Amino acid sequence: MTLIAFEEGFGHCSAPLRWIAQDGRDSGKPLPGKEGLTTAEREELVRLRRRLRQVEQERDILAKATGWFAGKSEKTSMPSTN
């Protein structure tokens, strides 16, 4: 079924048109003007963004801990007697 035949039979429905466009991308034959990420690429992008958020949170926690330990170390260090 072509896109034009689909629209003639069902009218202009956005969800089925998105599904058809996504299927075209996934099969390596995107519709003209409907190029974009495949489902696998979109899933990978979501996974990588989630991982990036996690790594940024870990970095922030380590930076705060480093600052806390550095401050604690300065308070407990003994001045030199030389």
PDB file of N, CA and C in Angstrom:
ATOM      1  N   MET A   1       0.849  -1.175   0.000  1.00  0.00           N
ATOM      2  CA  MET A   1       0.000   0.000   0.000  1.00  0.00           C
ATOM      3  C   MET A   1       0.895   1.238   0.000  1.00  0.00           C
ATOM      4  N   THR A   2       0.632   2.142  -0.893  1.00  0.00           N
ATOM      5  CA  THR A   2       1.412   3.376  -0.950  1.00  0.00           C
ATOM      6  C   THR A   2       0.868   4.378   0.053  1.00  0.00           C
ATOM      7  N   LEU A   3       1.656   5.389   0.305  1.00  0.00           N
ATOM      8  CA  LEU A   3       1.246   6.430   1.237  1.00  0.00           C
ATOM      9  C   LEU A   3       0.015   7.163   0.726  1.00  0.00           C
ATOM     10  N   ILE A   4      -0.038   7.408  -0.567  1.00  0.00           N
ATOM     11  CA  ILE A   4      -1.192   8.106  -1.155  1.00  0.00           C
ATOM     12  C   ILE A   4      -2.448   7.248  -1.030  1.00  0.00           C
ATOM     13  N   ALA A   5      -2.340   5.954  -1.304  1.00  0.00           N
ATOM     14  CA  ALA A   5      -3.492   5.056  -1.180  1.00  0.00           C
ATOM     15  C   ALA A   5      -3.953   4.985   0.274  1.00  0.00           C
ATOM     16  N   PHE A   6      -3.006   4.984   1.183  1.00  0.00           N
ATOM     17  CA  PHE A   6      -3.356   4.957   2.596  1.00  0.00           C
ATOM     18  C   PHE A   6      -4.148   6.197   2.979  1.00  0.00           C
ATOM     19  N   GLU A   7      -3.663   7.374   2.576  1.00  0.00           N
ATOM     20  CA  GLU A   7      -4.348   8.621   2.905  1.00  0.00           C
ATOM     21  C   GLU A   7      -5.734   8.680   2.270  1.00  0.00           C
ATOM     22  N   GLU A   8      -5.866   8.159   1.057  1.00  0.00           N
ATOM     23  CA  GLU A   8      -7.176   8.165   0.391  1.00  0.00           C
ATOM     24  C   GLU A   8      -8.152   7.251   1.131  1.00  0.00           C
ATOM     25  N   GLY A   9      -7.670   6.126   1.637  1.00  0.00           N
ATOM     26  CA  GLY A   9      -8.543   5.170   2.306  1.00  0.00           C
ATOM     27  C   GLY A   9      -8.863   5.535   3.745  1.00  0.00           C
ATOM     28  N   PHE A  10      -7.910   6.141   4.441  1.00  0.00           N
ATOM     29  CA  PHE A  10      -8.098   6.392   5.876  1.00  0.00           C
ATOM     30  C   PHE A  10      -8.083   7.862   6.257  1.00  0.00           C
ATOM     31  N   GLY A  11      -7.859   8.730   5.323  1.00  0.00           N
ATOM     32  CA  GLY A  11      -7.745  10.141   5.666  1.00  0.00           C
ATOM     33  C   GLY A  11      -6.374  10.423   6.252  1.00  0.00           C
ATOM     34  N   HIS A  12      -6.153  11.639   6.636  1.00  0.00           N
ATOM     35  CA  HIS A  12      -4.838  12.032   7.161  1.00  0.00           C
ATOM     36  C   HIS A  12      -4.788  11.752   8.661  1.00  0.00           C
ATOM     37  N   CYS A  13      -4.165  10.633   9.021  1.00  0.00           N
ATOM     38  CA  CYS A  13      -3.988  10.245  10.422  1.00  0.00           C
ATOM     39  C   CYS A  13      -2.497  10.286  10.714  1.00  0.00           C
ATOM     40  N   SER A  14      -2.102  11.050  11.717  1.00  0.00           N
ATOM     41  CA  SER A  14      -0.676  11.241  11.944  1.00  0.00           C
ATOM     42  C   SER A  14       0.032  10.008  12.503  1.00  0.00           C
ATOM     43  N   ALA A  15      -0.587   9.265  13.414  1.00  0.00           N
ATOM     44  CA  ALA A  15       0.095   8.115  14.018  1.00  0.00           C
ATOM     45  C   ALA A  15       0.437   7.041  12.983  1.00  0.00           C
ATOM     46  N   PRO A  16      -0.504   6.583  12.170  1.00  0.00           N
ATOM     47  CA  PRO A  16      -0.137   5.570  11.164  1.00  0.00           C
ATOM     48  C   PRO A  16       0.905   6.080  10.167  1.00  0.00           C
ATOM     49  N   LEU A  17       0.856   7.359   9.846  1.00  0.00           N
ATOM     50  CA  LEU A  17       1.859   7.910   8.928  1.00  0.00           C
ATOM     51  C   LEU A  17       3.241   7.888   9.573  1.00  0.00           C
ATOM     52  N   ARG A  18       3.313   8.171  10.871  1.00  0.00           N
ATOM     53  CA  ARG A  18       4.602   8.098  11.579  1.00  0.00           C
ATOM     54  C   ARG A  18       5.112   6.660  11.593  1.00  0.00           C
ATOM     55  N   TRP A  19       4.189   5.703  11.781  1.00  0.00           N
ATOM     56  CA  TRP A  19       4.592   4.293  11.801  1.00  0.00           C
ATOM     57  C   TRP A  19       5.159   3.879  10.452  1.00  0.00           C
ATOM     58  N   ILE A  20       4.499   4.319   9.370  1.00  0.00           N
ATOM     59  CA  ILE A  20       4.961   3.987   8.022  1.00  0.00           C
ATOM     60  C   ILE A  20       6.324   4.621   7.768  1.00  0.00           C
ATOM     61  N   ALA A  21       6.480   5.884   8.176  1.00  0.00           N
ATOM     62  CA  ALA A  21       7.764   6.568   7.988  1.00  0.00           C
ATOM     63  C   ALA A  21       8.863   5.863   8.784  1.00  0.00           C
ATOM     64  N   GLN A  22       8.558   5.466  10.036  1.00  0.00           N
ATOM     65  CA  GLN A  22       9.550   4.776  10.868  1.00  0.00           C
ATOM     66  C   GLN A  22       9.917   3.430  10.263  1.00  0.00           C
ATOM     67  N   ASP A  23       8.947   2.714   9.733  1.00  0.00           N
ATOM     68  CA  ASP A  23       9.221   1.432   9.087  1.00  0.00           C
ATOM     69  C   ASP A  23      10.139   1.632   7.884  1.00  0.00           C
ATOM     70  N   GLY A  24       9.923   2.703   7.152  1.00  0.00           N
ATOM     71  CA  GLY A  24      10.797   2.999   6.012  1.00  0.00           C
ATOM     72  C   GLY A  24      12.232   3.246   6.455  1.00  0.00           C
ATOM     73  N   ARG A  25      12.404   3.997   7.548  1.00  0.00           N
ATOM     74  CA  ARG A  25      13.755   4.248   8.064  1.00  0.00           C
ATOM     75  C   ARG A  25      14.396   2.953   8.535  1.00  0.00           C
ATOM     76  N   ASP A  26      13.613   2.131   9.256  1.00  0.00           N
ATOM     77  CA  ASP A  26      14.147   0.871   9.777  1.00  0.00           C
ATOM     78  C   ASP A  26      14.536  -0.097   8.667  1.00  0.00           C
ATOM     79  N   SER A  27      13.829  -0.050   7.548  1.00  0.00           N
ATOM     80  CA  SER A  27      14.134  -0.962   6.451  1.00  0.00           C
ATOM     81  C   SER A  27      15.188  -0.401   5.503  1.00  0.00           C
ATOM     82  N   GLY A  28      15.690   0.797   5.798  1.00  0.00           N
ATOM     83  CA  GLY A  28      16.727   1.400   4.959  1.00  0.00           C
ATOM     84  C   GLY A  28      16.185   2.128   3.749  1.00  0.00           C
ATOM     85  N   LYS A  29      14.872   2.328   3.687  1.00  0.00           N
ATOM     86  CA  LYS A  29      14.256   3.028   2.555  1.00  0.00           C
ATOM     87  C   LYS A  29      13.328   4.126   3.088  1.00  0.00           C
ATOM     88  N   PRO A  30      13.921   5.207   3.644  1.00  0.00           N
ATOM     89  CA  PRO A  30      13.079   6.249   4.219  1.00  0.00           C
ATOM     90  C   PRO A  30      12.243   6.963   3.162  1.00  0.00           C
ATOM     91  N   LEU A  31      11.067   7.389   3.573  1.00  0.00           N
ATOM     92  CA  LEU A  31      10.213   8.167   2.679  1.00  0.00           C
ATOM     93  C   LEU A  31      10.856   9.523   2.441  1.00  0.00           C
ATOM     94  N   PRO A  32      10.663  10.101   1.267  1.00  0.00           N
ATOM     95  CA  PRO A  32      11.232  11.424   1.008  1.00  0.00           C
ATOM     96  C   PRO A  32      10.739  12.433   2.049  1.00  0.00           C
ATOM     97  N   GLY A  33      11.682  13.160   2.623  1.00  0.00           N
ATOM     98  CA  GLY A  33      11.347  14.144   3.631  1.00  0.00           C
ATOM     99  C   GLY A  33      11.112  13.560   5.006  1.00  0.00           C
ATOM    100  N   LYS A  34      11.255  12.255   5.164  1.00  0.00           N
ATOM    101  CA  LYS A  34      11.004  11.585   6.441  1.00  0.00           C
ATOM    102  C   LYS A  34      12.260  10.865   6.941  1.00  0.00           C
ATOM    103  N   GLU A  35      13.435  11.364   6.540  1.00  0.00           N
ATOM    104  CA  GLU A  35      14.673  10.754   6.991  1.00  0.00           C
ATOM    105  C   GLU A  35      14.826  11.016   8.491  1.00  0.00           C
ATOM    106  N   GLY A  36      15.535  10.158   9.155  1.00  0.00           N
ATOM    107  CA  GLY A  36      15.749  10.313  10.594  1.00  0.00           C
ATOM    108  C   GLY A  36      16.405   9.077  11.166  1.00  0.00           C
ATOM    109  N   LEU A  37      16.307   8.934  12.463  1.00  0.00           N
ATOM    110  CA  LEU A  37      16.927   7.807  13.158  1.00  0.00           C
ATOM    111  C   LEU A  37      16.080   6.545  13.032  1.00  0.00           C
ATOM    112  N   THR A  38      16.769   5.416  12.916  1.00  0.00           N
ATOM    113  CA  THR A  38      16.060   4.140  12.948  1.00  0.00           C
ATOM    114  C   THR A  38      15.660   3.863  14.395  1.00  0.00           C
ATOM    115  N   THR A  39      14.838   2.872  14.593  1.00  0.00           N
ATOM    116  CA  THR A  39      14.419   2.510  15.941  1.00  0.00           C
ATOM    117  C   THR A  39      15.627   2.113  16.788  1.00  0.00           C
ATOM    118  N   ALA A  40      16.544   1.354  16.213  1.00  0.00           N
ATOM    119  CA  ALA A  40      17.744   0.925  16.949  1.00  0.00           C
ATOM    120  C   ALA A  40      18.611   2.128  17.311  1.00  0.00           C
ATOM    121  N   GLU A  41      18.763   3.067  16.385  1.00  0.00           N
ATOM    122  CA  GLU A  41      19.551   4.271  16.673  1.00  0.00           C
ATOM    123  C   GLU A  41      18.888   5.111  17.762  1.00  0.00           C
ATOM    124  N   ARG A  42      17.578   5.230  17.705  1.00  0.00           N
ATOM    125  CA  ARG A  42      16.851   6.001  18.720  1.00  0.00           C
ATOM    126  C   ARG A  42      16.990   5.346  20.093  1.00  0.00           C
ATOM    127  N   GLU A  43      16.900   4.017  20.154  1.00  0.00           N
ATOM    128  CA  GLU A  43      17.065   3.302  21.424  1.00  0.00           C
ATOM    129  C   GLU A  43      18.475   3.494  21.971  1.00  0.00           C
ATOM    130  N   GLU A  44      19.475   3.446  21.083  1.00  0.00           N
ATOM    131  CA  GLU A  44      20.855   3.652  21.516  1.00  0.00           C
ATOM    132  C   GLU A  44      21.047   5.072  22.033  1.00  0.00           C
ATOM    133  N   LEU A  45      20.460   6.041  21.368  1.00  0.00           N
ATOM    134  CA  LEU A  45      20.558   7.433  21.798  1.00  0.00           C
ATOM    135  C   LEU A  45      19.955   7.609  23.189  1.00  0.00           C
ATOM    136  N   VAL A  46      18.813   7.010  23.435  1.00  0.00           N
ATOM    137  CA  VAL A  46      18.174   7.086  24.752  1.00  0.00           C
ATOM    138  C   VAL A  46      19.071   6.437  25.804  1.00  0.00           C
ATOM    139  N   ARG A  47      19.626   5.271  25.479  1.00  0.00           N
ATOM    140  CA  ARG A  47      20.510   4.567  26.416  1.00  0.00           C
ATOM    141  C   ARG A  47      21.757   5.393  26.725  1.00  0.00           C
ATOM    142  N   LEU A  48      22.352   5.994  25.694  1.00  0.00           N
ATOM    143  CA  LEU A  48      23.566   6.786  25.893  1.00  0.00           C
ATOM    144  C   LEU A  48      23.284   8.061  26.684  1.00  0.00           C
ATOM    145  N   ARG A  49      22.153   8.691  26.447  1.00  0.00           N
ATOM    146  CA  ARG A  49      21.798   9.891  27.217  1.00  0.00           C
ATOM    147  C   ARG A  49      21.581   9.539  28.689  1.00  0.00           C
ATOM    148  N   ARG A  50      20.937   8.404  28.937  1.00  0.00           N
ATOM    149  CA  ARG A  50      20.717   7.942  30.311  1.00  0.00           C
ATOM    150  C   ARG A  50      22.056   7.684  30.993  1.00  0.00           C
ATOM    151  N   ARG A  51      22.977   7.026  30.285  1.00  0.00           N
ATOM    152  CA  ARG A  51      24.309   6.726  30.832  1.00  0.00           C
ATOM    153  C   ARG A  51      25.087   8.014  31.088  1.00  0.00           C
ATOM    154  N   LEU A  52      24.975   8.984  30.189  1.00  0.00           N
ATOM    155  CA  LEU A  52      25.655  10.260  30.365  1.00  0.00           C
ATOM    156  C   LEU A  52      25.164  10.957  31.632  1.00  0.00           C
ATOM    157  N   ARG A  53      23.850  10.962  31.854  1.00  0.00           N
ATOM    158  CA  ARG A  53      23.288  11.562  33.070  1.00  0.00           C
ATOM    159  C   ARG A  53      23.866  10.893  34.317  1.00  0.00           C
ATOM    160  N   GLN A  54      23.964   9.561  34.283  1.00  0.00           N
ATOM    161  CA  GLN A  54      24.498   8.812  35.414  1.00  0.00           C
ATOM    162  C   GLN A  54      25.961   9.181  35.663  1.00  0.00           C
ATOM    163  N   VAL A  55      26.758   9.238  34.612  1.00  0.00           N
ATOM    164  CA  VAL A  55      28.182   9.553  34.751  1.00  0.00           C
ATOM    165  C   VAL A  55      28.359  10.991  35.250  1.00  0.00           C
ATOM    166  N   GLU A  56      27.524  11.907  34.779  1.00  0.00           N
ATOM    167  CA  GLU A  56      27.608  13.291  35.260  1.00  0.00           C
ATOM    168  C   GLU A  56      27.263  13.374  36.749  1.00  0.00           C
ATOM    169  N   GLN A  57      26.269  12.614  37.190  1.00  0.00           N
ATOM    170  CA  GLN A  57      25.922  12.591  38.616  1.00  0.00           C
ATOM    171  C   GLN A  57      27.072  12.015  39.439  1.00  0.00           C
ATOM    172  N   GLU A  58      27.684  10.947  38.941  1.00  0.00           N
ATOM    173  CA  GLU A  58      28.816  10.350  39.649  1.00  0.00           C
ATOM    174  C   GLU A  58      29.967  11.338  39.737  1.00  0.00           C
ATOM    175  N   ARG A  59      30.237  12.061  38.661  1.00  0.00           N
ATOM    176  CA  ARG A  59      31.303  13.062  38.641  1.00  0.00           C
ATOM    177  C   ARG A  59      31.031  14.154  39.680  1.00  0.00           C
ATOM    178  N   ASP A  60      29.778  14.628  39.743  1.00  0.00           N
ATOM    179  CA  ASP A  60      29.419  15.677  40.687  1.00  0.00           C
ATOM    180  C   ASP A  60      29.583  15.197  42.129  1.00  0.00           C
ATOM    181  N   ILE A  61      29.175  13.956  42.388  1.00  0.00           N
ATOM    182  CA  ILE A  61      29.324  13.396  43.736  1.00  0.00           C
ATOM    183  C   ILE A  61      30.804  13.301  44.103  1.00  0.00           C
ATOM    184  N   LEU A  62      31.633  12.826  43.182  1.00  0.00           N
ATOM    185  CA  LEU A  62      33.071  12.704  43.454  1.00  0.00           C
ATOM    186  C   LEU A  62      33.715  14.071  43.655  1.00  0.00           C
ATOM    187  N   ALA A  63      33.286  15.069  42.907  1.00  0.00           N
ATOM    188  CA  ALA A  63      33.828  16.420  43.072  1.00  0.00           C
ATOM    189  C   ALA A  63      33.486  16.966  44.457  1.00  0.00           C
ATOM    190  N   LYS A  64      32.248  16.756  44.905  1.00  0.00           N
ATOM    191  CA  LYS A  64      31.843  17.213  46.241  1.00  0.00           C
ATOM    192  C   LYS A  64      32.611  16.459  47.321  1.00  0.00           C
ATOM    193  N   ALA A  65      32.778  15.160  47.145  1.00  0.00           N
ATOM    194  CA  ALA A  65      33.511  14.362  48.125  1.00  0.00           C
ATOM    195  C   ALA A  65      34.969  14.793  48.181  1.00  0.00           C
ATOM    196  N   THR A  66      35.551  15.078  47.051  1.00  0.00           N
ATOM    197  CA  THR A  66      36.941  15.532  47.009  1.00  0.00           C
ATOM    198  C   THR A  66      37.086  16.843  47.771  1.00  0.00           C
ATOM    199  N   GLY A  67      36.161  17.762  47.544  1.00  0.00           N
ATOM    200  CA  GLY A  67      36.188  19.033  48.258  1.00  0.00           C
ATOM    201  C   GLY A  67      36.018  18.841  49.757  1.00  0.00           C
ATOM    202  N   TRP A  68      35.134  17.957  50.148  1.00  0.00           N
ATOM    203  CA  TRP A  68      34.895  17.694  51.570  1.00  0.00           C
ATOM    204  C   TRP A  68      36.135  17.104  52.220  1.00  0.00           C
ATOM    205  N   PHE A  69      36.741  16.106  51.557  1.00  0.00           N
ATOM    206  CA  PHE A  69      37.938  15.488  52.118  1.00  0.00           C
ATOM    207  C   PHE A  69      39.108  16.460  52.141  1.00  0.00           C
ATOM    208  N   ALA A  70      39.220  17.299  51.129  1.00  0.00           N
ATOM    209  CA  ALA A  70      40.301  18.287  51.106  1.00  0.00           C
ATOM    210  C   ALA A  70      40.141  19.262  52.267  1.00  0.00           C
ATOM    211  N   GLY A  71      38.928  19.709  52.532  1.00  0.00           N
ATOM    212  CA  GLY A  71      38.687  20.608  53.657  1.00  0.00           C
ATOM    213  C   GLY A  71      38.960  19.940  54.982  1.00  0.00           C
ATOM    214  N   LYS A  72      38.580  18.693  55.122  1.00  0.00           N
ATOM    215  CA  LYS A  72      38.798  17.930  56.348  1.00  0.00           C
ATOM    216  C   LYS A  72      40.288  17.710  56.570  1.00  0.00           C
ATOM    217  N   SER A  73      41.026  17.468  55.501  1.00  0.00           N
ATOM    218  CA  SER A  73      42.462  17.225  55.584  1.00  0.00           C
ATOM    219  C   SER A  73      43.192  18.480  56.058  1.00  0.00           C
ATOM    220  N   GLU A  74      42.763  19.650  55.581  1.00  0.00           N
ATOM    221  CA  GLU A  74      43.410  20.902  55.979  1.00  0.00           C
ATOM    222  C   GLU A  74      43.189  21.166  57.463  1.00  0.00           C
ATOM    223  N   LYS A  75      42.052  20.803  58.013  1.00  0.00           N
ATOM    224  CA  LYS A  75      41.746  21.050  59.419  1.00  0.00           C
ATOM    225  C   LYS A  75      42.526  20.109  60.340  1.00  0.00           C
ATOM    226  N   THR A  76      42.817  18.917  59.870  1.00  0.00           N
ATOM    227  CA  THR A  76      43.485  17.934  60.739  1.00  0.00           C
ATOM    228  C   THR A  76      44.982  17.890  60.535  1.00  0.00           C
ATOM    229  N   SER A  77      45.521  18.589  59.557  1.00  0.00           N
ATOM    230  CA  SER A  77      46.967  18.539  59.350  1.00  0.00           C
ATOM    231  C   SER A  77      47.668  19.415  60.376  1.00  0.00           C
ATOM    232  N   MET A  78      48.826  18.991  60.804  1.00  0.00           N
ATOM    233  CA  MET A  78      49.618  19.715  61.796  1.00  0.00           C
ATOM    234  C   MET A  78      50.546  20.668  61.069  1.00  0.00           C
ATOM    235  N   PRO A  79      50.677  21.882  61.576  1.00  0.00           N
ATOM    236  CA  PRO A  79      51.630  22.808  60.972  1.00  0.00           C
ATOM    237  C   PRO A  79      53.061  22.329  61.190  1.00  0.00           C
ATOM    238  N   SER A  80      53.894  22.688  60.269  1.00  0.00           N
ATOM    239  CA  SER A  80      55.300  22.304  60.350  1.00  0.00           C
ATOM    240  C   SER A  80      55.976  23.072  61.479  1.00  0.00           C
ATOM    241  N   THR A  81      56.897  22.425  62.230  1.00  0.00           N
ATOM    242  CA  THR A  81      57.594  23.068  63.326  1.00  0.00           C
ATOM    243  C   THR A  81      58.958  23.595  62.919  1.00  0.00           C
ATOM    244  N   ASN A  82      59.269  23.552  61.650  1.00  0.00           N
ATOM    245  CA  ASN A  82      60.581  24.038  61.183  1.00  0.00           C
ATOM    246  C   ASN A  82      60.643  25.504  61.154  1.00  0.00           C
TER     247      ASN A  82
END
